[in-house]
Amino acid sequence: MGDLAKIGKLPKLLKIVDNVVNMAKTDAKFAKVVKPLLKGLKGALDNLPIHKLPDWAKEPIEKLSSKVDEFFSSSRKGLPVKAEKDLTLKRVFEKPMTKESKTMPAGYGETDKYGNVTYSTKGTPEDIALVKNHERVHQVLSPKLKFLREFRADLRMTSYQRSNFLRYLEEAMAESYAQLKVNGIKGLPDGIKFPVKNGYVELNKVIKEGAIGTIIVGAVTYGAYVISDKINNPK
């Protein structure tokens, strides 16, 4: 360790160990290979009388020891850090599924209240891309945290079904995202008109519930505004 403690070699060793630990976080096979080496280094560092080292050597040695400890303390039964994080996320969050359907008509898809997506593989590549991206937005908006997931999924679905404004907002957002991904800015008007054109909502009911705002695409302006029921139906 006398040679190791040279100021020119400690930073270099620290950088090497830092790179090794970071790689081990994402590669289980690599983590398995380097584990015995890091274990040997950890033993040497644990037995090193740090308090007897000169001040300039203490800090890099402590950083080196901390980095090696990170590998072992952040792993579980040999799992790399990334795998441990994935395991924790799996316990806390539910990952929705996405599956293809050969029976749905072209351009069709559906997302259940948990965010599980089924989409049609019929039609053109554009049809498939549009429906996949559209349903992806519904999936992202679905609850994934397992705590009270059933309750929150039902609450969200009820809000979607009962509110014309929320239904318009979600469907327009989903289709606008899909159009932008597939057709660029020229597809945005189709996204904005999608919920009304496809019968998800009636425009007059959406207007009564809330303001969508104003969106300008090229020379075309789309807007919806709050209209109070008291104005329409004065008492």
C-alpha atoms as a PDB file:
ATOM      1  CA  MET A   1       0.000   0.000   0.000  1.00  0.00           C
ATOM      2  CA  GLY A   2       3.033   2.278   0.294  1.00  0.00           C
ATOM      3  CA  ASP A   3       3.240   2.512  -3.483  1.00  0.00           C
ATOM      4  CA  LEU A   4      -0.534   2.897  -3.706  1.00  0.00           C
ATOM      5  CA  ALA A   5      -0.449   5.949  -1.478  1.00  0.00           C
ATOM      6  CA  LYS A   6       1.522   8.019  -3.933  1.00  0.00           C
ATOM      7  CA  ILE A   7      -0.448  11.096  -4.820  1.00  0.00           C
ATOM      8  CA  GLY A   8      -0.071  10.465  -8.536  1.00  0.00           C
ATOM      9  CA  LYS A   9      -1.644   6.993  -8.373  1.00  0.00           C
ATOM     10  CA  LEU A  10      -4.569   7.437  -5.978  1.00  0.00           C
ATOM     11  CA  PRO A  11      -6.701   9.659  -8.271  1.00  0.00           C
ATOM     12  CA  LYS A  12      -6.061   7.282 -11.165  1.00  0.00           C
ATOM     13  CA  LEU A  13      -7.113   4.255  -9.110  1.00  0.00           C
ATOM     14  CA  LEU A  14     -10.185   6.098  -7.841  1.00  0.00           C
ATOM     15  CA  LYS A  15     -11.230   6.891 -11.414  1.00  0.00           C
ATOM     16  CA  ILE A  16     -10.788   3.252 -12.463  1.00  0.00           C
ATOM     17  CA  VAL A  17     -12.842   1.954  -9.531  1.00  0.00           C
ATOM     18  CA  ASP A  18     -15.515   4.600 -10.181  1.00  0.00           C
ATOM     19  CA  ASN A  19     -15.866   3.435 -13.799  1.00  0.00           C
ATOM     20  CA  VAL A  20     -15.939  -0.225 -12.743  1.00  0.00           C
ATOM     21  CA  VAL A  21     -18.703   0.324 -10.165  1.00  0.00           C
ATOM     22  CA  ASN A  22     -20.768   2.390 -12.605  1.00  0.00           C
ATOM     23  CA  MET A  23     -20.511  -0.315 -15.267  1.00  0.00           C
ATOM     24  CA  ALA A  24     -21.461  -2.974 -12.713  1.00  0.00           C
ATOM     25  CA  LYS A  25     -24.683  -1.070 -11.992  1.00  0.00           C
ATOM     26  CA  THR A  26     -25.982  -1.825 -15.478  1.00  0.00           C
ATOM     27  CA  ASP A  27     -24.326  -5.142 -16.318  1.00  0.00           C
ATOM     28  CA  ALA A  28     -24.961  -8.145 -14.077  1.00  0.00           C
ATOM     29  CA  LYS A  29     -22.337 -10.316 -15.815  1.00  0.00           C
ATOM     30  CA  PHE A  30     -19.681  -7.661 -15.441  1.00  0.00           C
ATOM     31  CA  ALA A  31     -20.640  -7.195 -11.779  1.00  0.00           C
ATOM     32  CA  LYS A  32     -20.138 -10.908 -11.199  1.00  0.00           C
ATOM     33  CA  VAL A  33     -16.664 -10.792 -12.757  1.00  0.00           C
ATOM     34  CA  VAL A  34     -15.409  -7.769 -10.817  1.00  0.00           C
ATOM     35  CA  LYS A  35     -16.984  -8.687  -7.478  1.00  0.00           C
ATOM     36  CA  PRO A  36     -13.996 -10.809  -6.266  1.00  0.00           C
ATOM     37  CA  LEU A  37     -11.576  -8.045  -7.277  1.00  0.00           C
ATOM     38  CA  LEU A  38     -13.566  -5.380  -5.463  1.00  0.00           C
ATOM     39  CA  LYS A  39     -13.895  -7.694  -2.468  1.00  0.00           C
ATOM     40  CA  GLY A  40     -10.096  -8.005  -2.292  1.00  0.00           C
ATOM     41  CA  LEU A  41      -9.675  -4.253  -2.604  1.00  0.00           C
ATOM     42  CA  LYS A  42     -12.278  -3.714   0.107  1.00  0.00           C
ATOM     43  CA  GLY A  43     -10.381  -6.038   2.466  1.00  0.00           C
ATOM     44  CA  ALA A  44      -7.165  -4.147   1.892  1.00  0.00           C
ATOM     45  CA  LEU A  45      -8.845  -0.787   2.440  1.00  0.00           C
ATOM     46  CA  ASP A  46     -10.637  -1.972   5.589  1.00  0.00           C
ATOM     47  CA  ASN A  47      -7.287  -3.025   7.106  1.00  0.00           C
ATOM     48  CA  LEU A  48      -5.542   0.166   6.113  1.00  0.00           C
ATOM     49  CA  PRO A  49      -4.765   2.471   9.100  1.00  0.00           C
ATOM     50  CA  ILE A  50      -6.196   5.587   7.470  1.00  0.00           C
ATOM     51  CA  HIS A  51      -5.630   7.660  10.614  1.00  0.00           C
ATOM     52  CA  LYS A  52      -1.873   7.155  10.196  1.00  0.00           C
ATOM     53  CA  LEU A  53      -1.800   8.365   6.591  1.00  0.00           C
ATOM     54  CA  PRO A  54      -0.776  11.910   5.664  1.00  0.00           C
ATOM     55  CA  ASP A  55      -3.665  14.335   5.181  1.00  0.00           C
ATOM     56  CA  TRP A  56      -3.234  14.525   1.402  1.00  0.00           C
ATOM     57  CA  ALA A  57      -3.743  10.744   1.150  1.00  0.00           C
ATOM     58  CA  LYS A  58      -6.732  10.394   3.501  1.00  0.00           C
ATOM     59  CA  GLU A  59      -9.352  12.017   1.270  1.00  0.00           C
ATOM     60  CA  PRO A  60      -8.711   9.951  -1.906  1.00  0.00           C
ATOM     61  CA  ILE A  61      -8.437   6.751   0.175  1.00  0.00           C
ATOM     62  CA  GLU A  62     -11.763   7.508   1.881  1.00  0.00           C
ATOM     63  CA  LYS A  63     -13.402   8.224  -1.486  1.00  0.00           C
ATOM     64  CA  LEU A  64     -12.006   4.982  -2.861  1.00  0.00           C
ATOM     65  CA  SER A  65     -13.313   3.034   0.129  1.00  0.00           C
ATOM     66  CA  SER A  66     -16.717   4.716  -0.165  1.00  0.00           C
ATOM     67  CA  LYS A  67     -16.971   3.792  -3.850  1.00  0.00           C
ATOM     68  CA  VAL A  68     -16.137   0.146  -3.160  1.00  0.00           C
ATOM     69  CA  ASP A  69     -18.671   0.078  -0.301  1.00  0.00           C
ATOM     70  CA  GLU A  70     -21.272   1.484  -2.704  1.00  0.00           C
ATOM     71  CA  PHE A  71     -20.967  -1.608  -4.861  1.00  0.00           C
ATOM     72  CA  PHE A  72     -21.651  -3.990  -1.975  1.00  0.00           C
ATOM     73  CA  SER A  73     -24.141  -1.967   0.061  1.00  0.00           C
ATOM     74  CA  SER A  74     -26.276  -1.127  -2.986  1.00  0.00           C
ATOM     75  CA  SER A  75     -26.482  -4.687  -4.243  1.00  0.00           C
ATOM     76  CA  ARG A  76     -28.499  -7.619  -2.941  1.00  0.00           C
ATOM     77  CA  LYS A  77     -27.235 -11.195  -3.200  1.00  0.00           C
ATOM     78  CA  GLY A  78     -24.895 -10.276  -6.027  1.00  0.00           C
ATOM     79  CA  LEU A  79     -27.465  -8.245  -7.968  1.00  0.00           C
ATOM     80  CA  PRO A  80     -26.016  -5.073  -9.530  1.00  0.00           C
ATOM     81  CA  VAL A  81     -27.391  -1.737  -8.382  1.00  0.00           C
ATOM     82  CA  LYS A  82     -29.622  -1.345 -11.440  1.00  0.00           C
ATOM     83  CA  ALA A  83     -31.164  -4.760 -10.850  1.00  0.00           C
ATOM     84  CA  GLU A  84     -31.796  -3.860  -7.223  1.00  0.00           C
ATOM     85  CA  LYS A  85     -33.515  -0.645  -8.275  1.00  0.00           C
ATOM     86  CA  ASP A  86     -35.589  -2.549 -10.835  1.00  0.00           C
ATOM     87  CA  LEU A  87     -36.630  -5.002  -8.127  1.00  0.00           C
ATOM     88  CA  THR A  88     -37.691  -2.153  -5.833  1.00  0.00           C
ATOM     89  CA  LEU A  89     -39.639  -0.439  -8.603  1.00  0.00           C
ATOM     90  CA  LYS A  90     -41.392  -3.705  -9.403  1.00  0.00           C
ATOM     91  CA  ARG A  91     -42.531  -3.995  -5.790  1.00  0.00           C
ATOM     92  CA  VAL A  92     -43.876  -0.425  -5.707  1.00  0.00           C
ATOM     93  CA  PHE A  93     -45.104   0.116  -9.263  1.00  0.00           C
ATOM     94  CA  GLU A  94     -47.102  -1.984 -11.689  1.00  0.00           C
ATOM     95  CA  LYS A  95     -45.827  -2.012 -15.261  1.00  0.00           C
ATOM     96  CA  PRO A  96     -48.682  -1.891 -17.811  1.00  0.00           C
ATOM     97  CA  MET A  97     -48.584  -4.297 -20.739  1.00  0.00           C
ATOM     98  CA  THR A  98     -48.770  -3.487 -24.441  1.00  0.00           C
ATOM     99  CA  LYS A  99     -49.936  -6.151 -26.856  1.00  0.00           C
ATOM    100  CA  GLU A 100     -50.849  -6.416 -30.519  1.00  0.00           C
ATOM    101  CA  SER A 101     -54.198  -7.478 -31.938  1.00  0.00           C
ATOM    102  CA  LYS A 102     -54.795  -9.042 -35.316  1.00  0.00           C
ATOM    103  CA  THR A 103     -58.582  -8.907 -34.958  1.00  0.00           C
ATOM    104  CA  MET A 104     -59.137  -5.196 -34.282  1.00  0.00           C
ATOM    105  CA  PRO A 105     -59.891  -3.021 -37.316  1.00  0.00           C
ATOM    106  CA  ALA A 106     -57.076  -0.873 -38.685  1.00  0.00           C
ATOM    107  CA  GLY A 107     -56.401   2.218 -36.594  1.00  0.00           C
ATOM    108  CA  TYR A 108     -58.164   0.882 -33.507  1.00  0.00           C
ATOM    109  CA  GLY A 109     -56.735   0.524 -30.036  1.00  0.00           C
ATOM    110  CA  GLU A 110     -57.836   0.510 -26.414  1.00  0.00           C
ATOM    111  CA  THR A 111     -56.337   1.153 -23.003  1.00  0.00           C
ATOM    112  CA  ASP A 112     -57.935  -0.220 -19.851  1.00  0.00           C
ATOM    113  CA  LYS A 113     -58.081   1.658 -16.556  1.00  0.00           C
ATOM    114  CA  TYR A 114     -54.731   0.174 -15.479  1.00  0.00           C
ATOM    115  CA  GLY A 115     -52.923   1.355 -18.611  1.00  0.00           C
ATOM    116  CA  ASN A 116     -52.765  -1.997 -20.424  1.00  0.00           C
ATOM    117  CA  VAL A 117     -52.806  -1.294 -24.162  1.00  0.00           C
ATOM    118  CA  THR A 118     -54.092  -3.364 -27.055  1.00  0.00           C
ATOM    119  CA  TYR A 119     -53.688  -1.995 -30.573  1.00  0.00           C
ATOM    120  CA  SER A 120     -54.412  -3.181 -34.098  1.00  0.00           C
ATOM    121  CA  THR A 121     -51.606  -4.332 -36.369  1.00  0.00           C
ATOM    122  CA  LYS A 122     -53.809  -3.960 -39.434  1.00  0.00           C
ATOM    123  CA  GLY A 123     -53.572  -1.074 -41.865  1.00  0.00           C
ATOM    124  CA  THR A 124     -50.639   0.974 -43.069  1.00  0.00           C
ATOM    125  CA  PRO A 125     -47.481   1.628 -41.029  1.00  0.00           C
ATOM    126  CA  GLU A 126     -48.891   5.118 -40.432  1.00  0.00           C
ATOM    127  CA  ASP A 127     -52.142   3.681 -39.038  1.00  0.00           C
ATOM    128  CA  ILE A 128     -50.200   1.468 -36.637  1.00  0.00           C
ATOM    129  CA  ALA A 129     -47.848   4.266 -35.560  1.00  0.00           C
ATOM    130  CA  LEU A 130     -50.756   6.645 -34.915  1.00  0.00           C
ATOM    131  CA  VAL A 131     -52.719   4.219 -32.765  1.00  0.00           C
ATOM    132  CA  LYS A 132     -49.640   3.088 -30.803  1.00  0.00           C
ATOM    133  CA  ASN A 133     -48.650   6.652 -29.960  1.00  0.00           C
ATOM    134  CA  HIS A 134     -52.226   7.621 -29.172  1.00  0.00           C
ATOM    135  CA  GLU A 135     -52.718   4.758 -26.728  1.00  0.00           C
ATOM    136  CA  ARG A 136     -49.278   5.421 -25.243  1.00  0.00           C
ATOM    137  CA  VAL A 137     -50.548   8.728 -23.852  1.00  0.00           C
ATOM    138  CA  HIS A 138     -53.521   6.997 -22.192  1.00  0.00           C
ATOM    139  CA  GLN A 139     -51.074   4.487 -20.759  1.00  0.00           C
ATOM    140  CA  VAL A 140     -48.807   7.185 -19.330  1.00  0.00           C
ATOM    141  CA  LEU A 141     -51.775   8.882 -17.662  1.00  0.00           C
ATOM    142  CA  SER A 142     -52.942   5.648 -16.000  1.00  0.00           C
ATOM    143  CA  PRO A 143     -52.018   4.994 -12.330  1.00  0.00           C
ATOM    144  CA  LYS A 144     -49.027   2.704 -11.782  1.00  0.00           C
ATOM    145  CA  LEU A 145     -48.263   3.083  -8.075  1.00  0.00           C
ATOM    146  CA  LYS A 146     -49.673  -0.056  -6.434  1.00  0.00           C
ATOM    147  CA  PHE A 147     -50.895   1.800  -3.327  1.00  0.00           C
ATOM    148  CA  LEU A 148     -54.672   2.339  -3.765  1.00  0.00           C
ATOM    149  CA  ARG A 149     -54.244   1.649  -7.476  1.00  0.00           C
ATOM    150  CA  GLU A 150     -57.708   0.151  -7.908  1.00  0.00           C
ATOM    151  CA  PHE A 151     -59.351   3.166  -6.264  1.00  0.00           C
ATOM    152  CA  ARG A 152     -57.323   5.673  -8.278  1.00  0.00           C
ATOM    153  CA  ALA A 153     -57.929   3.798 -11.544  1.00  0.00           C
ATOM    154  CA  ASP A 154     -61.697   3.804 -10.911  1.00  0.00           C
ATOM    155  CA  LEU A 155     -61.614   7.478  -9.939  1.00  0.00           C
ATOM    156  CA  ARG A 156     -59.747   8.429 -13.091  1.00  0.00           C
ATOM    157  CA  MET A 157     -62.070   6.368 -15.277  1.00  0.00           C
ATOM    158  CA  THR A 158     -65.152   7.888 -13.659  1.00  0.00           C
ATOM    159  CA  SER A 159     -63.784  11.391 -14.232  1.00  0.00           C
ATOM    160  CA  TYR A 160     -63.065  10.545 -17.864  1.00  0.00           C
ATOM    161  CA  GLN A 161     -66.570   9.179 -18.410  1.00  0.00           C
ATOM    162  CA  ARG A 162     -68.484  11.933 -16.623  1.00  0.00           C
ATOM    163  CA  SER A 163     -66.557  15.003 -17.719  1.00  0.00           C
ATOM    164  CA  ASN A 164     -66.784  16.080 -21.351  1.00  0.00           C
ATOM    165  CA  PHE A 165     -63.976  18.552 -20.793  1.00  0.00           C
ATOM    166  CA  LEU A 166     -61.568  16.003 -19.298  1.00  0.00           C
ATOM    167  CA  ARG A 167     -62.470  13.474 -21.984  1.00  0.00           C
ATOM    168  CA  TYR A 168     -61.855  16.054 -24.708  1.00  0.00           C
ATOM    169  CA  LEU A 169     -58.579  17.101 -23.122  1.00  0.00           C
ATOM    170  CA  GLU A 170     -57.201  13.576 -22.854  1.00  0.00           C
ATOM    171  CA  GLU A 171     -58.292  12.433 -26.298  1.00  0.00           C
ATOM    172  CA  ALA A 172     -57.075  15.629 -27.974  1.00  0.00           C
ATOM    173  CA  MET A 173     -53.763  15.395 -26.158  1.00  0.00           C
ATOM    174  CA  ALA A 174     -53.336  11.717 -27.112  1.00  0.00           C
ATOM    175  CA  GLU A 175     -54.153  12.249 -30.778  1.00  0.00           C
ATOM    176  CA  SER A 176     -52.158  15.473 -31.026  1.00  0.00           C
ATOM    177  CA  TYR A 177     -49.107  13.667 -29.637  1.00  0.00           C
ATOM    178  CA  ALA A 178     -49.620  10.824 -32.126  1.00  0.00           C
ATOM    179  CA  GLN A 179     -50.054  13.224 -35.048  1.00  0.00           C
ATOM    180  CA  LEU A 180     -46.961  15.219 -34.096  1.00  0.00           C
ATOM    181  CA  LYS A 181     -44.897  12.028 -33.844  1.00  0.00           C
ATOM    182  CA  VAL A 182     -46.085  10.671 -37.188  1.00  0.00           C
ATOM    183  CA  ASN A 183     -47.034  13.674 -39.336  1.00  0.00           C
ATOM    184  CA  GLY A 184     -45.343  16.607 -37.653  1.00  0.00           C
ATOM    185  CA  ILE A 185     -46.949  19.985 -37.031  1.00  0.00           C
ATOM    186  CA  LYS A 186     -49.287  19.620 -40.019  1.00  0.00           C
ATOM    187  CA  GLY A 187     -51.145  16.877 -38.148  1.00  0.00           C
ATOM    188  CA  LEU A 188     -51.916  19.020 -35.084  1.00  0.00           C
ATOM    189  CA  PRO A 189     -55.314  20.281 -36.355  1.00  0.00           C
ATOM    190  CA  ASP A 190     -56.429  16.660 -36.747  1.00  0.00           C
ATOM    191  CA  GLY A 191     -55.400  16.004 -33.142  1.00  0.00           C
ATOM    192  CA  ILE A 192     -57.365  18.988 -31.840  1.00  0.00           C
ATOM    193  CA  LYS A 193     -60.501  18.035 -33.788  1.00  0.00           C
ATOM    194  CA  PHE A 194     -60.205  14.303 -33.092  1.00  0.00           C
ATOM    195  CA  PRO A 195     -62.483  13.997 -29.988  1.00  0.00           C
ATOM    196  CA  VAL A 196     -65.369  15.881 -31.622  1.00  0.00           C
ATOM    197  CA  LYS A 197     -64.925  14.367 -35.079  1.00  0.00           C
ATOM    198  CA  ASN A 198     -64.876  10.822 -33.701  1.00  0.00           C
ATOM    199  CA  GLY A 199     -67.833  11.247 -31.343  1.00  0.00           C
ATOM    200  CA  TYR A 200     -66.043  11.243 -27.990  1.00  0.00           C
ATOM    201  CA  VAL A 201     -67.650  14.548 -27.001  1.00  0.00           C
ATOM    202  CA  GLU A 202     -70.090  17.189 -28.167  1.00  0.00           C
ATOM    203  CA  LEU A 203     -68.425  20.564 -28.541  1.00  0.00           C
ATOM    204  CA  ASN A 204     -71.200  22.550 -26.849  1.00  0.00           C
ATOM    205  CA  LYS A 205     -70.908  20.381 -23.725  1.00  0.00           C
ATOM    206  CA  VAL A 206     -67.139  20.818 -23.632  1.00  0.00           C
ATOM    207  CA  ILE A 207     -67.505  24.598 -23.903  1.00  0.00           C
ATOM    208  CA  LYS A 208     -69.932  24.670 -20.970  1.00  0.00           C
ATOM    209  CA  GLU A 209     -67.477  22.845 -18.708  1.00  0.00           C
ATOM    210  CA  GLY A 210     -64.308  24.851 -19.165  1.00  0.00           C
ATOM    211  CA  ALA A 211     -61.832  26.733 -21.268  1.00  0.00           C
ATOM    212  CA  ILE A 212     -59.623  24.768 -23.554  1.00  0.00           C
ATOM    213  CA  GLY A 213     -57.780  27.913 -24.553  1.00  0.00           C
ATOM    214  CA  THR A 214     -56.532  29.165 -27.896  1.00  0.00           C
ATOM    215  CA  ILE A 215     -54.163  27.302 -30.182  1.00  0.00           C
ATOM    216  CA  ILE A 216     -52.769  28.808 -33.379  1.00  0.00           C
ATOM    217  CA  VAL A 217     -51.514  26.500 -36.108  1.00  0.00           C
ATOM    218  CA  GLY A 218     -50.327  28.419 -39.131  1.00  0.00           C
ATOM    219  CA  ALA A 219     -53.097  30.860 -39.928  1.00  0.00           C
ATOM    220  CA  VAL A 220     -55.809  28.810 -38.222  1.00  0.00           C
ATOM    221  CA  THR A 221     -56.889  29.576 -34.663  1.00  0.00           C
ATOM    222  CA  TYR A 222     -58.713  27.006 -32.560  1.00  0.00           C
ATOM    223  CA  GLY A 223     -60.337  28.086 -29.337  1.00  0.00           C
ATOM    224  CA  ALA A 224     -62.944  27.240 -26.721  1.00  0.00           C
ATOM    225  CA  TYR A 225     -64.038  29.441 -23.863  1.00  0.00           C
ATOM    226  CA  VAL A 226     -65.835  29.186 -20.522  1.00  0.00           C
ATOM    227  CA  ILE A 227     -69.513  29.989 -20.799  1.00  0.00           C
ATOM    228  CA  SER A 228     -71.336  30.078 -17.498  1.00  0.00           C
ATOM    229  CA  ASP A 229     -74.575  28.149 -17.174  1.00  0.00           C
ATOM    230  CA  LYS A 230     -75.961  31.195 -15.395  1.00  0.00           C
ATOM    231  CA  ILE A 231     -75.596  33.168 -18.633  1.00  0.00           C
ATOM    232  CA  ASN A 232     -77.276  30.456 -20.679  1.00  0.00           C
ATOM    233  CA  ASN A 233     -79.918  29.729 -18.086  1.00  0.00           C
ATOM    234  CA  PRO A 234     -80.400  32.840 -15.958  1.00  0.00           C
ATOM    235  CA  LYS A 235     -82.513  32.344 -12.866  1.00  0.00           C
END
